[in-house]
Amino acid sequence: MSNPDPRVAVVGATGVVGGTMLTLLEERHFPAREIVPFASRRSEGRQLDGYGPVRALTDGADIDGFDIALFSAGAGVSREWAPRFVQTGATVIDNSSAFRRDPEVPLVVSEINPHAVKSHHKLISNPNCSTMAMVVALGPIHREAGIERLVAATYQSVSGTGRRAVDELEAQAHASLHGMDMPAPEVYPEPIAFNVIGAAGSFADGDDHTDEERKMMFETRKILEDEDIGVAVTCVRVPVRVSHSIAVNIQTCEPITAERAQELLNAAPGVIVEDVPTPLRAAGRDEVFVGRIRRDESHPRGLSLFVVGDNLRKGAATNAIQIAELLTAGATSEAARVA
């Protein structure tokens, strides 16, 4: 990207993450000369404050002239439309799972592997929201002591599934608290209000892991740039509106104390260390909250910690915009060098 003041497309602008992207572009004073929202045909013409009418992403849509395209509309849309934006010259930052496994596409967490942006071919992937929070916490420990193996259990909020899932949680909770029968579940296989569903995500044929679990297993190794890390994950859906939590147990390659791990995390960018992180405290924040840092008495190189991050912000929208900021900073530097 050569323009330090880019023209930006936001694809999926009417979704929960797309809407958060628009909010954060404004909050972070991103230096865009124009921001254009795109969504499906059913949202065409919808007015978004400050951004004009939503454009439909359909054949014939004018997608020329963009420098950056932020995608959060699902893997199917990304597979079809990201290459089209790339062909027009835009750099696509994609929040879906469509390209994360492609060895030619960098998978970037701004605090952990920003150098990976340099290898992009106009297509950059954002990781899964649970992976994102976890690796922000694990990166500093991995750099110092290495990680041999990790076991993680997630507690994922319903907003990770989308707006309909939030509505379902609220409708079921309202009915139960008012002595009425809960509405039948539509988004999840079981009621989510006052419940825990022990498998977040979906199962591919013949696989005993969910797609959420597979994402975390693969993405953690790619982002930390270490294919030898053993990763075991159980992903769980909980009745929380926003913020994913992860209980993580790690086995390091070299000995490290809990005190040293906490020291590293206190100094790490994008991390807030506190005694007991909670989803409510993390909601609306761009930092990853880390606590319960303690040694695992069952293993001489074991540590346990609890990680919480807002899945709509740092888990998705914030990191995408941080990547765009890396690109813009690079464009500014290049423009200064040429001048």
C-alpha atoms as a PDB file:
ATOM      1  CA  MET A   1       0.000   0.000   0.000  1.00  0.00           C
ATOM      2  CA  SER A   2       1.493   3.356  -0.997  1.00  0.00           C
ATOM      3  CA  ASN A   3      -1.134   5.848   0.210  1.00  0.00           C
ATOM      4  CA  PRO A   4      -0.683   7.074   3.820  1.00  0.00           C
ATOM      5  CA  ASP A   5      -4.295   8.350   3.848  1.00  0.00           C
ATOM      6  CA  PRO A   6      -6.119   5.309   2.478  1.00  0.00           C
ATOM      7  CA  ARG A   7      -9.598   4.858   1.131  1.00  0.00           C
ATOM      8  CA  VAL A   8     -11.142   2.070   3.221  1.00  0.00           C
ATOM      9  CA  ALA A   9     -13.941  -0.422   2.546  1.00  0.00           C
ATOM     10  CA  VAL A  10     -15.632  -2.174   5.477  1.00  0.00           C
ATOM     11  CA  VAL A  11     -17.287  -5.373   4.244  1.00  0.00           C
ATOM     12  CA  GLY A  12     -19.939  -6.688   6.641  1.00  0.00           C
ATOM     13  CA  ALA A  13     -20.444  -3.216   8.075  1.00  0.00           C
ATOM     14  CA  THR A  14     -23.898  -3.941   9.536  1.00  0.00           C
ATOM     15  CA  GLY A  15     -22.752  -6.963  11.569  1.00  0.00           C
ATOM     16  CA  VAL A  16     -21.577  -6.802  15.167  1.00  0.00           C
ATOM     17  CA  VAL A  17     -17.879  -6.922  14.267  1.00  0.00           C
ATOM     18  CA  GLY A  18     -18.250  -4.709  11.202  1.00  0.00           C
ATOM     19  CA  GLY A  19     -20.069  -2.119  13.288  1.00  0.00           C
ATOM     20  CA  THR A  20     -17.292  -2.304  15.864  1.00  0.00           C
ATOM     21  CA  MET A  21     -14.736  -1.736  13.095  1.00  0.00           C
ATOM     22  CA  LEU A  22     -16.505   1.484  12.100  1.00  0.00           C
ATOM     23  CA  THR A  23     -16.581   2.630  15.722  1.00  0.00           C
ATOM     24  CA  LEU A  24     -12.889   1.897  16.208  1.00  0.00           C
ATOM     25  CA  LEU A  25     -11.814   3.600  12.987  1.00  0.00           C
ATOM     26  CA  GLU A  26     -13.338   6.752  14.484  1.00  0.00           C
ATOM     27  CA  GLU A  27     -12.092   6.165  18.047  1.00  0.00           C
ATOM     28  CA  ARG A  28      -8.525   5.533  16.919  1.00  0.00           C
ATOM     29  CA  HIS A  29      -8.573   8.476  14.472  1.00  0.00           C
ATOM     30  CA  PHE A  30      -7.560   6.244  11.606  1.00  0.00           C
ATOM     31  CA  PRO A  31      -6.326   8.538   8.809  1.00  0.00           C
ATOM     32  CA  ALA A  32      -8.724   7.427   6.087  1.00  0.00           C
ATOM     33  CA  ARG A  33      -9.738   9.886   3.420  1.00  0.00           C
ATOM     34  CA  GLU A  34     -12.984   7.929   2.942  1.00  0.00           C
ATOM     35  CA  ILE A  35     -14.670   4.944   4.628  1.00  0.00           C
ATOM     36  CA  VAL A  36     -17.284   3.060   2.608  1.00  0.00           C
ATOM     37  CA  PRO A  37     -19.582   0.439   4.231  1.00  0.00           C
ATOM     38  CA  PHE A  38     -20.557  -2.700   2.313  1.00  0.00           C
ATOM     39  CA  ALA A  39     -23.021  -5.427   3.296  1.00  0.00           C
ATOM     40  CA  SER A  40     -25.491  -7.846   1.733  1.00  0.00           C
ATOM     41  CA  ARG A  41     -28.313  -6.743  -0.548  1.00  0.00           C
ATOM     42  CA  ARG A  42     -30.841  -6.721   2.305  1.00  0.00           C
ATOM     43  CA  SER A  43     -28.877  -3.885   3.978  1.00  0.00           C
ATOM     44  CA  GLU A  44     -28.468  -1.830   0.801  1.00  0.00           C
ATOM     45  CA  GLY A  45     -29.265   1.833   1.345  1.00  0.00           C
ATOM     46  CA  ARG A  46     -29.293   1.594   5.133  1.00  0.00           C
ATOM     47  CA  GLN A  47     -27.938   4.812   6.575  1.00  0.00           C
ATOM     48  CA  LEU A  48     -24.990   4.512   8.947  1.00  0.00           C
ATOM     49  CA  ASP A  49     -24.200   7.686  10.877  1.00  0.00           C
ATOM     50  CA  GLY A  50     -21.234   9.419   9.360  1.00  0.00           C
ATOM     51  CA  TYR A  51     -20.725   6.912   6.562  1.00  0.00           C
ATOM     52  CA  GLY A  52     -23.658   7.376   4.218  1.00  0.00           C
ATOM     53  CA  PRO A  53     -25.740   4.558   2.747  1.00  0.00           C
ATOM     54  CA  VAL A  54     -24.557   0.951   2.825  1.00  0.00           C
ATOM     55  CA  ARG A  55     -23.539  -0.417  -0.554  1.00  0.00           C
ATOM     56  CA  ALA A  56     -24.618  -3.913  -1.558  1.00  0.00           C
ATOM     57  CA  LEU A  57     -21.798  -6.351  -2.256  1.00  0.00           C
ATOM     58  CA  THR A  58     -23.242  -7.815  -5.441  1.00  0.00           C
ATOM     59  CA  ASP A  59     -22.057  -8.357  -8.994  1.00  0.00           C
ATOM     60  CA  GLY A  60     -21.679  -4.928 -10.520  1.00  0.00           C
ATOM     61  CA  ALA A  61     -20.765  -3.253  -7.230  1.00  0.00           C
ATOM     62  CA  ASP A  62     -18.122  -0.548  -7.608  1.00  0.00           C
ATOM     63  CA  ILE A  63     -15.155  -1.838  -5.612  1.00  0.00           C
ATOM     64  CA  ASP A  64     -12.424   0.067  -7.455  1.00  0.00           C
ATOM     65  CA  GLY A  65     -10.126   2.577  -5.814  1.00  0.00           C
ATOM     66  CA  PHE A  66      -9.785   1.180  -2.305  1.00  0.00           C
ATOM     67  CA  ASP A  67      -6.436   0.938  -0.553  1.00  0.00           C
ATOM     68  CA  ILE A  68      -7.617  -1.222   2.361  1.00  0.00           C
ATOM     69  CA  ALA A  69     -10.640  -3.527   2.692  1.00  0.00           C
ATOM     70  CA  LEU A  70     -11.604  -4.733   6.160  1.00  0.00           C
ATOM     71  CA  PHE A  71     -13.661  -7.938   5.869  1.00  0.00           C
ATOM     72  CA  SER A  72     -15.975  -9.359   8.516  1.00  0.00           C
ATOM     73  CA  ALA A  73     -18.775 -11.045   6.601  1.00  0.00           C
ATOM     74  CA  GLY A  74     -17.979 -14.749   6.904  1.00  0.00           C
ATOM     75  CA  ALA A  75     -15.665 -17.154   5.113  1.00  0.00           C
ATOM     76  CA  GLY A  76     -17.927 -17.609   2.084  1.00  0.00           C
ATOM     77  CA  VAL A  77     -18.055 -13.900   1.326  1.00  0.00           C
ATOM     78  CA  SER A  78     -14.310 -13.594   1.898  1.00  0.00           C
ATOM     79  CA  ARG A  79     -13.483 -16.435  -0.489  1.00  0.00           C
ATOM     80  CA  GLU A  80     -15.581 -14.838  -3.222  1.00  0.00           C
ATOM     81  CA  TRP A  81     -14.874 -11.152  -2.719  1.00  0.00           C
ATOM     82  CA  ALA A  82     -11.436 -10.792  -1.124  1.00  0.00           C
ATOM     83  CA  PRO A  83      -9.661 -11.844  -4.357  1.00  0.00           C
ATOM     84  CA  ARG A  84     -11.785  -9.335  -6.278  1.00  0.00           C
ATOM     85  CA  PHE A  85     -10.719  -6.484  -3.997  1.00  0.00           C
ATOM     86  CA  VAL A  86      -7.104  -7.645  -4.247  1.00  0.00           C
ATOM     87  CA  GLN A  87      -7.339  -7.579  -8.051  1.00  0.00           C
ATOM     88  CA  THR A  88      -8.374  -3.912  -7.911  1.00  0.00           C
ATOM     89  CA  GLY A  89      -5.275  -3.081  -5.825  1.00  0.00           C
ATOM     90  CA  ALA A  90      -6.691  -3.140  -2.284  1.00  0.00           C
ATOM     91  CA  THR A  91      -4.998  -4.862   0.626  1.00  0.00           C
ATOM     92  CA  VAL A  92      -7.575  -7.087   2.329  1.00  0.00           C
ATOM     93  CA  ILE A  93      -7.530  -7.689   6.099  1.00  0.00           C
ATOM     94  CA  ASP A  94      -9.865 -10.626   6.595  1.00  0.00           C
ATOM     95  CA  ASN A  95     -11.498 -11.575   9.880  1.00  0.00           C
ATOM     96  CA  SER A  96     -12.863 -14.934   8.679  1.00  0.00           C
ATOM     97  CA  SER A  97     -11.256 -18.374   8.675  1.00  0.00           C
ATOM     98  CA  ALA A  98     -11.067 -18.425   4.858  1.00  0.00           C
ATOM     99  CA  PHE A  99      -7.329 -17.880   4.404  1.00  0.00           C
ATOM    100  CA  ARG A 100      -5.739 -18.531   7.798  1.00  0.00           C
ATOM    101  CA  ARG A 101      -4.313 -21.904   6.804  1.00  0.00           C
ATOM    102  CA  ASP A 102      -2.817 -20.611   3.554  1.00  0.00           C
ATOM    103  CA  PRO A 103       0.974 -20.580   4.027  1.00  0.00           C
ATOM    104  CA  GLU A 104       1.176 -17.550   1.721  1.00  0.00           C
ATOM    105  CA  VAL A 105      -1.196 -15.491   3.889  1.00  0.00           C
ATOM    106  CA  PRO A 106       0.226 -14.016   7.103  1.00  0.00           C
ATOM    107  CA  LEU A 107      -1.824 -14.514  10.269  1.00  0.00           C
ATOM    108  CA  VAL A 108      -1.068 -11.461  12.369  1.00  0.00           C
ATOM    109  CA  VAL A 109      -1.510 -10.369  15.981  1.00  0.00           C
ATOM    110  CA  SER A 110      -0.142  -6.843  16.197  1.00  0.00           C
ATOM    111  CA  GLU A 111       1.628  -7.303  19.563  1.00  0.00           C
ATOM    112  CA  ILE A 112       3.094 -10.726  18.773  1.00  0.00           C
ATOM    113  CA  ASN A 113       4.182 -10.999  15.129  1.00  0.00           C
ATOM    114  CA  PRO A 114       3.812  -7.594  13.438  1.00  0.00           C
ATOM    115  CA  HIS A 115       6.815  -8.454  11.268  1.00  0.00           C
ATOM    116  CA  ALA A 116       4.614 -10.994   9.444  1.00  0.00           C
ATOM    117  CA  VAL A 117       2.783  -8.104   7.754  1.00  0.00           C
ATOM    118  CA  LYS A 118       5.843  -7.536   5.566  1.00  0.00           C
ATOM    119  CA  SER A 119       5.268 -10.852   3.793  1.00  0.00           C
ATOM    120  CA  HIS A 120       1.716 -10.117   2.668  1.00  0.00           C
ATOM    121  CA  HIS A 121       0.582 -10.300  -0.952  1.00  0.00           C
ATOM    122  CA  LYS A 122      -2.331  -7.903  -0.401  1.00  0.00           C
ATOM    123  CA  LEU A 123      -4.104 -10.428   1.833  1.00  0.00           C
ATOM    124  CA  ILE A 124      -3.708 -10.656   5.628  1.00  0.00           C
ATOM    125  CA  SER A 125      -5.717 -12.806   8.046  1.00  0.00           C
ATOM    126  CA  ASN A 126      -6.985 -11.999  11.515  1.00  0.00           C
ATOM    127  CA  PRO A 127      -6.993 -15.012  13.866  1.00  0.00           C
ATOM    128  CA  ASN A 128      -9.879 -16.531  15.761  1.00  0.00           C
ATOM    129  CA  CYS A 129     -10.953 -14.335  18.682  1.00  0.00           C
ATOM    130  CA  SER A 130     -10.046 -16.887  21.385  1.00  0.00           C
ATOM    131  CA  THR A 131      -6.663 -17.554  19.787  1.00  0.00           C
ATOM    132  CA  MET A 132      -6.065 -13.810  19.679  1.00  0.00           C
ATOM    133  CA  ALA A 133      -6.490 -13.250  23.407  1.00  0.00           C
ATOM    134  CA  MET A 134      -4.510 -16.340  24.328  1.00  0.00           C
ATOM    135  CA  VAL A 135      -1.444 -15.620  22.195  1.00  0.00           C
ATOM    136  CA  VAL A 136      -1.238 -12.004  23.397  1.00  0.00           C
ATOM    137  CA  ALA A 137      -0.779 -13.486  26.872  1.00  0.00           C
ATOM    138  CA  LEU A 138       1.464 -16.382  25.852  1.00  0.00           C
ATOM    139  CA  GLY A 139       3.743 -14.545  23.430  1.00  0.00           C
ATOM    140  CA  PRO A 140       6.020 -12.930  26.032  1.00  0.00           C
ATOM    141  CA  ILE A 141       6.375 -16.224  27.932  1.00  0.00           C
ATOM    142  CA  HIS A 142       7.096 -18.159  24.743  1.00  0.00           C
ATOM    143  CA  ARG A 143       9.799 -15.685  23.724  1.00  0.00           C
ATOM    144  CA  GLU A 144      11.595 -16.071  27.068  1.00  0.00           C
ATOM    145  CA  ALA A 145      11.133 -19.730  27.993  1.00  0.00           C
ATOM    146  CA  GLY A 146       9.518 -21.465  25.027  1.00  0.00           C
ATOM    147  CA  ILE A 147       6.270 -23.408  25.252  1.00  0.00           C
ATOM    148  CA  GLU A 148       6.391 -27.163  24.872  1.00  0.00           C
ATOM    149  CA  ARG A 149       2.691 -27.859  25.393  1.00  0.00           C
ATOM    150  CA  LEU A 150      -0.468 -26.028  26.343  1.00  0.00           C
ATOM    151  CA  VAL A 151      -3.938 -27.137  27.391  1.00  0.00           C
ATOM    152  CA  ALA A 152      -6.717 -24.565  27.076  1.00  0.00           C
ATOM    153  CA  ALA A 153     -10.412 -24.442  27.900  1.00  0.00           C
ATOM    154  CA  THR A 154     -12.391 -21.513  26.508  1.00  0.00           C
ATOM    155  CA  TYR A 155     -15.512 -19.860  27.890  1.00  0.00           C
ATOM    156  CA  GLN A 156     -16.828 -18.109  24.787  1.00  0.00           C
ATOM    157  CA  SER A 157     -19.480 -15.410  24.773  1.00  0.00           C
ATOM    158  CA  VAL A 158     -22.504 -15.560  22.500  1.00  0.00           C
ATOM    159  CA  SER A 159     -21.541 -12.447  20.531  1.00  0.00           C
ATOM    160  CA  GLY A 160     -18.884 -14.617  18.920  1.00  0.00           C
ATOM    161  CA  THR A 161     -21.752 -16.310  17.066  1.00  0.00           C
ATOM    162  CA  GLY A 162     -23.397 -13.052  16.034  1.00  0.00           C
ATOM    163  CA  ARG A 163     -26.253 -10.695  16.800  1.00  0.00           C
ATOM    164  CA  ARG A 164     -28.953 -13.411  16.669  1.00  0.00           C
ATOM    165  CA  ALA A 165     -27.154 -15.347  19.405  1.00  0.00           C
ATOM    166  CA  VAL A 166     -27.121 -12.290  21.692  1.00  0.00           C
ATOM    167  CA  ASP A 167     -30.838 -11.810  21.049  1.00  0.00           C
ATOM    168  CA  GLU A 168     -31.459 -15.501  21.828  1.00  0.00           C
ATOM    169  CA  LEU A 169     -29.611 -15.294  25.147  1.00  0.00           C
ATOM    170  CA  GLU A 170     -31.500 -12.171  26.182  1.00  0.00           C
ATOM    171  CA  ALA A 171     -34.911 -13.538  25.170  1.00  0.00           C
ATOM    172  CA  GLN A 172     -34.347 -16.800  27.044  1.00  0.00           C
ATOM    173  CA  ALA A 173     -33.021 -15.036  30.137  1.00  0.00           C
ATOM    174  CA  HIS A 174     -35.930 -12.572  30.150  1.00  0.00           C
ATOM    175  CA  ALA A 175     -38.480 -15.363  29.863  1.00  0.00           C
ATOM    176  CA  SER A 176     -36.892 -17.436  32.625  1.00  0.00           C
ATOM    177  CA  LEU A 177     -36.582 -14.488  35.027  1.00  0.00           C
ATOM    178  CA  HIS A 178     -40.253 -13.618  34.476  1.00  0.00           C
ATOM    179  CA  GLY A 179     -41.561 -17.106  35.091  1.00  0.00           C
ATOM    180  CA  MET A 180     -42.279 -17.883  31.455  1.00  0.00           C
ATOM    181  CA  ASP A 181     -41.198 -20.782  29.281  1.00  0.00           C
ATOM    182  CA  MET A 182     -37.957 -20.100  27.476  1.00  0.00           C
ATOM    183  CA  PRO A 183     -38.240 -19.653  23.704  1.00  0.00           C
ATOM    184  CA  ALA A 184     -36.959 -22.700  21.853  1.00  0.00           C
ATOM    185  CA  PRO A 185     -33.306 -22.414  20.862  1.00  0.00           C
ATOM    186  CA  GLU A 186     -32.648 -21.539  17.236  1.00  0.00           C
ATOM    187  CA  VAL A 187     -29.005 -20.499  17.118  1.00  0.00           C
ATOM    188  CA  TYR A 188     -27.639 -23.127  19.512  1.00  0.00           C
ATOM    189  CA  PRO A 189     -28.646 -26.776  19.942  1.00  0.00           C
ATOM    190  CA  GLU A 190     -29.632 -26.171  23.582  1.00  0.00           C
ATOM    191  CA  PRO A 191     -30.843 -23.140  25.563  1.00  0.00           C
ATOM    192  CA  ILE A 192     -27.897 -20.877  26.363  1.00  0.00           C
ATOM    193  CA  ALA A 193     -29.437 -18.807  29.179  1.00  0.00           C
ATOM    194  CA  PHE A 194     -28.326 -20.131  32.602  1.00  0.00           C
ATOM    195  CA  ASN A 195     -26.566 -22.954  30.804  1.00  0.00           C
ATOM    196  CA  VAL A 196     -23.173 -24.002  29.448  1.00  0.00           C
ATOM    197  CA  ILE A 197     -22.810 -25.751  26.089  1.00  0.00           C
ATOM    198  CA  GLY A 198     -19.762 -27.982  26.121  1.00  0.00           C
ATOM    199  CA  ALA A 199     -18.906 -27.667  22.440  1.00  0.00           C
ATOM    200  CA  ALA A 200     -18.510 -24.212  20.894  1.00  0.00           C
ATOM    201  CA  GLY A 201     -18.437 -24.401  17.128  1.00  0.00           C
ATOM    202  CA  SER A 202     -19.432 -27.157  14.744  1.00  0.00           C
ATOM    203  CA  PHE A 203     -18.155 -30.647  13.995  1.00  0.00           C
ATOM    204  CA  ALA A 204     -16.883 -31.668  10.584  1.00  0.00           C
ATOM    205  CA  ASP A 205     -17.772 -35.189   9.508  1.00  0.00           C
ATOM    206  CA  GLY A 206     -15.574 -37.699  11.279  1.00  0.00           C
ATOM    207  CA  ASP A 207     -13.907 -35.138  13.550  1.00  0.00           C
ATOM    208  CA  ASP A 208     -14.244 -35.255  17.324  1.00  0.00           C
ATOM    209  CA  HIS A 209     -12.986 -31.656  17.649  1.00  0.00           C
ATOM    210  CA  THR A 210     -15.057 -28.587  16.776  1.00  0.00           C
ATOM    211  CA  ASP A 211     -13.922 -26.111  14.167  1.00  0.00           C
ATOM    212  CA  GLU A 212     -13.285 -23.600  16.968  1.00  0.00           C
ATOM    213  CA  GLU A 213     -10.893 -26.047  18.603  1.00  0.00           C
ATOM    214  CA  ARG A 214      -9.125 -26.826  15.338  1.00  0.00           C
ATOM    215  CA  LYS A 215      -8.678 -23.111  14.656  1.00  0.00           C
ATOM    216  CA  MET A 216      -6.987 -22.516  17.988  1.00  0.00           C
ATOM    217  CA  MET A 217      -4.732 -25.532  17.606  1.00  0.00           C
ATOM    218  CA  PHE A 218      -3.464 -24.508  14.172  1.00  0.00           C
ATOM    219  CA  GLU A 219      -3.420 -20.743  14.612  1.00  0.00           C
ATOM    220  CA  THR A 220      -1.484 -20.758  17.882  1.00  0.00           C
ATOM    221  CA  ARG A 221       1.425 -22.561  16.236  1.00  0.00           C
ATOM    222  CA  LYS A 222       1.367 -20.306  13.160  1.00  0.00           C
ATOM    223  CA  ILE A 223       1.297 -17.038  15.124  1.00  0.00           C
ATOM    224  CA  LEU A 224       3.954 -18.118  17.647  1.00  0.00           C
ATOM    225  CA  GLU A 225       5.980 -19.503  14.723  1.00  0.00           C
ATOM    226  CA  ASP A 226       6.586 -22.854  16.384  1.00  0.00           C
ATOM    227  CA  GLU A 227       5.091 -25.982  14.844  1.00  0.00           C
ATOM    228  CA  ASP A 228       6.380 -28.142  17.713  1.00  0.00           C
ATOM    229  CA  ILE A 229       4.035 -26.742  20.371  1.00  0.00           C
ATOM    230  CA  GLY A 230       1.543 -29.344  21.563  1.00  0.00           C
ATOM    231  CA  VAL A 231      -1.907 -27.749  21.747  1.00  0.00           C
ATOM    232  CA  ALA A 232      -5.032 -29.289  23.321  1.00  0.00           C
ATOM    233  CA  VAL A 233      -8.234 -27.230  23.369  1.00  0.00           C
ATOM    234  CA  THR A 234     -11.818 -27.571  24.571  1.00  0.00           C
ATOM    235  CA  CYS A 235     -14.110 -24.742  23.421  1.00  0.00           C
ATOM    236  CA  VAL A 236     -17.246 -24.035  25.458  1.00  0.00           C
ATOM    237  CA  ARG A 237     -20.116 -21.565  24.954  1.00  0.00           C
ATOM    238  CA  VAL A 238     -21.298 -19.666  28.060  1.00  0.00           C
ATOM    239  CA  PRO A 239     -24.193 -17.246  28.726  1.00  0.00           C
ATOM    240  CA  VAL A 240     -22.096 -14.073  28.491  1.00  0.00           C
ATOM    241  CA  ARG A 241     -22.822 -11.275  26.019  1.00  0.00           C
ATOM    242  CA  VAL A 242     -19.271 -10.113  25.269  1.00  0.00           C
ATOM    243  CA  SER A 243     -15.702 -11.258  26.011  1.00  0.00           C
ATOM    244  CA  HIS A 244     -14.138 -14.686  25.730  1.00  0.00           C
ATOM    245  CA  SER A 245     -12.256 -16.241  28.644  1.00  0.00           C
ATOM    246  CA  ILE A 246      -9.577 -18.931  28.447  1.00  0.00           C
ATOM    247  CA  ALA A 247      -8.099 -21.079  31.205  1.00  0.00           C
ATOM    248  CA  VAL A 248      -4.601 -22.009  30.034  1.00  0.00           C
ATOM    249  CA  ASN A 249      -2.067 -24.458  31.430  1.00  0.00           C
ATOM    250  CA  ILE A 250       1.370 -24.385  29.834  1.00  0.00           C
ATOM    251  CA  GLN A 251       4.497 -26.488  30.010  1.00  0.00           C
ATOM    252  CA  THR A 252       7.521 -24.361  29.167  1.00  0.00           C
ATOM    253  CA  CYS A 253      10.717 -25.591  27.528  1.00  0.00           C
ATOM    254  CA  GLU A 254      12.897 -23.800  30.060  1.00  0.00           C
ATOM    255  CA  PRO A 255      12.041 -23.222  33.721  1.00  0.00           C
ATOM    256  CA  ILE A 256      10.282 -19.955  34.516  1.00  0.00           C
ATOM    257  CA  THR A 257       8.675 -18.839  37.752  1.00  0.00           C
ATOM    258  CA  ALA A 258       5.168 -17.467  38.061  1.00  0.00           C
ATOM    259  CA  GLU A 259       6.722 -14.254  39.356  1.00  0.00           C
ATOM    260  CA  ARG A 260       8.870 -13.882  36.232  1.00  0.00           C
ATOM    261  CA  ALA A 261       5.890 -14.657  33.991  1.00  0.00           C
ATOM    262  CA  GLN A 262       3.901 -11.926  35.718  1.00  0.00           C
ATOM    263  CA  GLU A 263       6.823  -9.530  35.328  1.00  0.00           C
ATOM    264  CA  LEU A 264       6.919 -10.230  31.587  1.00  0.00           C
ATOM    265  CA  LEU A 265       3.163  -9.762  31.242  1.00  0.00           C
ATOM    266  CA  ASN A 266       3.203  -6.514  33.214  1.00  0.00           C
ATOM    267  CA  ALA A 267       5.665  -5.164  30.644  1.00  0.00           C
ATOM    268  CA  ALA A 268       3.889  -6.603  27.603  1.00  0.00           C
ATOM    269  CA  PRO A 269       2.008  -4.289  25.214  1.00  0.00           C
ATOM    270  CA  GLY A 270      -1.749  -4.746  25.161  1.00  0.00           C
ATOM    271  CA  VAL A 271      -1.859  -6.690  28.454  1.00  0.00           C
ATOM    272  CA  ILE A 272      -3.390  -5.771  31.804  1.00  0.00           C
ATOM    273  CA  VAL A 273      -2.475  -8.042  34.717  1.00  0.00           C
ATOM    274  CA  GLU A 274      -4.976  -8.276  37.567  1.00  0.00           C
ATOM    275  CA  ASP A 275      -5.849 -10.841  40.204  1.00  0.00           C
ATOM    276  CA  VAL A 276      -9.068 -12.215  38.687  1.00  0.00           C
ATOM    277  CA  PRO A 277     -10.055 -11.055  35.191  1.00  0.00           C
ATOM    278  CA  THR A 278     -13.738 -11.135  34.238  1.00  0.00           C
ATOM    279  CA  PRO A 279     -15.660 -10.716  30.968  1.00  0.00           C
ATOM    280  CA  LEU A 280     -17.506  -7.644  32.247  1.00  0.00           C
ATOM    281  CA  ARG A 281     -14.244  -5.884  33.085  1.00  0.00           C
ATOM    282  CA  ALA A 282     -12.766  -6.712  29.681  1.00  0.00           C
ATOM    283  CA  ALA A 283     -15.845  -5.691  27.666  1.00  0.00           C
ATOM    284  CA  GLY A 284     -15.287  -2.503  25.731  1.00  0.00           C
ATOM    285  CA  ARG A 285     -11.516  -2.641  26.196  1.00  0.00           C
ATOM    286  CA  ASP A 286      -8.786  -3.298  23.669  1.00  0.00           C
ATOM    287  CA  GLU A 287      -6.364  -4.885  26.129  1.00  0.00           C
ATOM    288  CA  VAL A 288      -6.160  -8.551  27.076  1.00  0.00           C
ATOM    289  CA  PHE A 289      -6.640  -9.158  30.788  1.00  0.00           C
ATOM    290  CA  VAL A 290      -4.495 -11.846  32.442  1.00  0.00           C
ATOM    291  CA  GLY A 291      -4.638 -13.184  35.999  1.00  0.00           C
ATOM    292  CA  ARG A 292      -4.491 -16.274  38.217  1.00  0.00           C
ATOM    293  CA  ILE A 293      -0.828 -16.620  37.206  1.00  0.00           C
ATOM    294  CA  ARG A 294       0.485 -19.491  39.294  1.00  0.00           C
ATOM    295  CA  ARG A 295       2.783 -22.468  39.128  1.00  0.00           C
ATOM    296  CA  ASP A 296       1.362 -25.857  38.286  1.00  0.00           C
ATOM    297  CA  GLU A 297       2.386 -28.091  41.180  1.00  0.00           C
ATOM    298  CA  SER A 298       1.987 -31.204  39.022  1.00  0.00           C
ATOM    299  CA  HIS A 299       4.878 -30.291  36.700  1.00  0.00           C
ATOM    300  CA  PRO A 300       8.242 -28.580  37.359  1.00  0.00           C
ATOM    301  CA  ARG A 301       7.856 -26.393  34.240  1.00  0.00           C
ATOM    302  CA  GLY A 302       4.100 -25.855  34.494  1.00  0.00           C
ATOM    303  CA  LEU A 303       2.198 -22.572  34.766  1.00  0.00           C
ATOM    304  CA  SER A 304      -1.517 -21.801  34.821  1.00  0.00           C
ATOM    305  CA  LEU A 305      -3.203 -18.528  33.970  1.00  0.00           C
ATOM    306  CA  PHE A 306      -6.617 -17.078  33.110  1.00  0.00           C
ATOM    307  CA  VAL A 307      -7.049 -14.828  30.079  1.00  0.00           C
ATOM    308  CA  VAL A 308     -10.002 -12.607  29.090  1.00  0.00           C
ATOM    309  CA  GLY A 309     -10.481 -10.388  26.056  1.00  0.00           C
ATOM    310  CA  ASP A 310     -13.323  -8.563  24.347  1.00  0.00           C
ATOM    311  CA  ASN A 311     -13.978 -10.796  21.344  1.00  0.00           C
ATOM    312  CA  LEU A 312     -15.542  -8.010  19.271  1.00  0.00           C
ATOM    313  CA  ARG A 313     -12.740  -5.533  19.850  1.00  0.00           C
ATOM    314  CA  LYS A 314      -9.257  -7.025  20.355  1.00  0.00           C
ATOM    315  CA  GLY A 315     -10.539 -10.447  19.318  1.00  0.00           C
ATOM    316  CA  ALA A 316     -11.604  -9.107  15.923  1.00  0.00           C
ATOM    317  CA  ALA A 317     -12.072  -5.436  15.026  1.00  0.00           C
ATOM    318  CA  THR A 318      -9.240  -3.824  17.003  1.00  0.00           C
ATOM    319  CA  ASN A 319      -6.566  -6.155  15.718  1.00  0.00           C
ATOM    320  CA  ALA A 320      -7.760  -5.704  12.129  1.00  0.00           C
ATOM    321  CA  ILE A 321      -7.421  -1.943  12.482  1.00  0.00           C
ATOM    322  CA  GLN A 322      -4.059  -2.301  14.223  1.00  0.00           C
ATOM    323  CA  ILE A 323      -2.913  -4.235  11.138  1.00  0.00           C
ATOM    324  CA  ALA A 324      -4.236  -1.416   8.946  1.00  0.00           C
ATOM    325  CA  GLU A 325      -2.278   1.017  11.126  1.00  0.00           C
ATOM    326  CA  LEU A 326       0.881  -1.036  10.534  1.00  0.00           C
ATOM    327  CA  LEU A 327       0.265  -0.803   6.787  1.00  0.00           C
ATOM    328  CA  THR A 328      -0.408   2.926   6.964  1.00  0.00           C
ATOM    329  CA  ALA A 329       2.713   3.526   9.048  1.00  0.00           C
ATOM    330  CA  GLY A 330       4.687   1.641   6.430  1.00  0.00           C
ATOM    331  CA  ALA A 331       3.142   3.734   3.661  1.00  0.00           C
ATOM    332  CA  THR A 332       3.960   6.944   5.546  1.00  0.00           C
ATOM    333  CA  SER A 333       7.571   5.833   5.992  1.00  0.00           C
ATOM    334  CA  GLU A 334       7.835   4.964   2.316  1.00  0.00           C
ATOM    335  CA  ALA A 335       6.367   8.303   1.273  1.00  0.00           C
ATOM    336  CA  ALA A 336       8.853  10.122   3.525  1.00  0.00           C
ATOM    337  CA  ARG A 337      11.744   8.110   2.085  1.00  0.00           C
ATOM    338  CA  VAL A 338      10.762   8.895  -1.502  1.00  0.00           C
ATOM    339  CA  ALA A 339      10.299  12.585  -0.693  1.00  0.00           C
END
